Amino acid sequence: MPKVATINHNWPRQLTQFITAHGPFPEYLKRFGLHSNGSCVCEEIGSLIHYATECYVTASHLLTKTTLATTPSWYKFIVSYAGSIRKIVNLMDFLREREEDLKVQD
């Protein structure tokens, strides 16, 4: 059973949104009725993993996709490096600034 650490990491808001997948992602927004379509403009599912690892729209912010993507080990690995954290913050800022451009309009 995994242990819960009580260390305060003082992570940026963007990193918390990334880890929880609670952000400007069409798939997430559709789940709560905040958008009628859960797709990206490239016609893939507009999920966190899509934007972080494969979407051409976010190409300059992509993280390396591994077979472990979306597993706790992958998240632990990427948040343990300052370079990855900066990349995640930049990705989340990019997505927030261009949220309307990234959603398929009905």
Protein backbone atom coordinates (compact mmCIF):
# COMPACT_ATOMS: atom_id res chain seq x y z
CA MET A 1 0.00 0.00 0.00
CA PRO A 2 1.44 3.43 -0.94
CA LYS A 3 2.37 5.75 1.89
CA VAL A 4 1.21 9.34 2.02
CA ALA A 5 3.97 11.86 2.66
CA THR A 6 3.33 14.88 4.83
CA ILE A 7 5.98 17.02 3.13
CA ASN A 8 4.74 20.34 1.79
CA HIS A 9 6.12 20.61 -1.73
CA ASN A 10 4.71 24.10 -2.33
CA TRP A 11 4.07 23.21 -5.97
CA PRO A 12 2.79 25.79 -8.44
CA ARG A 13 -0.96 25.75 -9.16
CA GLN A 14 -0.26 24.57 -12.71
CA LEU A 15 1.51 21.45 -11.45
CA THR A 16 -1.43 20.60 -9.20
CA GLN A 17 -3.79 20.99 -12.16
CA PHE A 18 -1.54 18.75 -14.23
CA ILE A 19 -1.31 15.98 -11.65
CA THR A 20 -5.06 16.00 -10.96
CA ALA A 21 -6.02 16.62 -14.64
CA HIS A 22 -8.35 19.36 -13.38
CA GLY A 23 -7.62 22.08 -15.89
CA PRO A 24 -8.57 23.60 -19.23
CA PHE A 25 -8.97 20.25 -20.96
CA PRO A 26 -12.06 19.77 -23.14
CA GLU A 27 -12.51 16.21 -21.87
CA TYR A 28 -12.55 17.44 -18.26
CA LEU A 29 -14.80 20.43 -19.01
CA LYS A 30 -17.30 18.22 -20.87
CA ARG A 31 -17.53 15.90 -17.87
CA PHE A 32 -18.94 18.76 -15.82
CA GLY A 33 -21.16 20.16 -18.56
CA LEU A 34 -18.90 23.19 -19.07
CA HIS A 35 -18.35 22.33 -22.73
CA SER A 36 -20.43 20.26 -25.11
CA ASN A 37 -17.52 18.58 -26.89
CA GLY A 38 -14.56 16.78 -25.29
CA SER A 39 -12.34 16.85 -28.37
CA CYS A 40 -9.23 18.82 -29.25
CA VAL A 41 -9.12 20.81 -32.49
CA CYS A 42 -7.00 18.00 -33.95
CA GLU A 43 -10.01 15.69 -33.43
CA GLU A 44 -8.42 13.60 -30.68
CA ILE A 45 -9.83 13.38 -27.16
CA GLY A 46 -8.86 16.63 -25.44
CA SER A 47 -7.27 15.05 -22.39
CA LEU A 48 -4.30 16.05 -20.29
CA ILE A 49 -2.17 13.22 -21.67
CA HIS A 50 -3.07 14.18 -25.25
CA TYR A 51 -1.97 17.80 -24.76
CA ALA A 52 1.11 16.84 -22.72
CA THR A 53 2.48 14.09 -24.96
CA GLU A 54 1.14 14.11 -28.52
CA CYS A 55 -0.89 17.13 -29.69
CA TYR A 56 0.63 19.12 -32.56
CA VAL A 57 -0.91 22.30 -31.12
CA THR A 58 1.25 21.98 -27.98
CA ALA A 59 4.32 20.62 -29.81
CA SER A 60 6.72 23.09 -28.20
CA HIS A 61 5.60 21.97 -24.71
CA LEU A 62 5.44 18.19 -25.12
CA LEU A 63 6.73 15.81 -22.48
CA THR A 64 8.23 12.47 -23.41
CA LYS A 65 5.52 9.85 -23.63
CA THR A 66 6.45 6.49 -22.20
CA THR A 67 4.58 3.27 -21.71
CA LEU A 68 4.26 4.40 -18.10
CA ALA A 69 2.38 7.59 -19.03
CA THR A 70 -0.59 8.12 -16.70
CA THR A 71 0.80 5.78 -14.06
CA PRO A 72 1.84 7.03 -10.62
CA SER A 73 5.47 6.17 -11.49
CA TRP A 74 5.38 8.47 -14.54
CA TYR A 75 3.93 11.36 -12.54
CA LYS A 76 6.47 10.85 -9.76
CA PHE A 77 9.29 10.79 -12.31
CA ILE A 78 8.29 13.98 -14.14
CA VAL A 79 7.65 16.04 -11.01
CA SER A 80 11.04 15.14 -9.57
CA TYR A 81 12.94 17.26 -12.12
CA ALA A 82 12.94 21.06 -12.18
CA GLY A 83 13.10 21.05 -15.99
CA SER A 84 9.94 18.96 -16.23
CA ILE A 85 8.15 21.17 -13.71
CA ARG A 86 9.00 24.28 -15.75
CA LYS A 87 7.77 22.55 -18.89
CA ILE A 88 4.50 21.58 -17.18
CA VAL A 89 3.97 25.13 -15.89
CA ASN A 90 4.59 26.49 -19.40
CA LEU A 91 2.23 23.91 -20.93
CA MET A 92 -0.55 24.69 -18.46
CA ASP A 93 -0.11 28.44 -18.98
CA PHE A 94 -0.25 27.92 -22.75
CA LEU A 95 -3.43 25.85 -22.44
CA ARG A 96 -5.07 28.39 -20.14
CA GLU A 97 -4.22 31.32 -22.45
CA ARG A 98 -5.49 29.50 -25.54
CA GLU A 99 -8.31 27.51 -23.98
CA GLU A 100 -10.99 28.70 -26.42
CA ASP A 101 -8.75 28.08 -29.46
CA LEU A 102 -8.09 24.48 -28.42
CA LYS A 103 -11.72 23.40 -28.06
CA VAL A 104 -13.83 22.20 -30.95
CA GLN A 105 -16.55 24.79 -31.41
CA ASP A 106 -20.11 23.53 -31.86
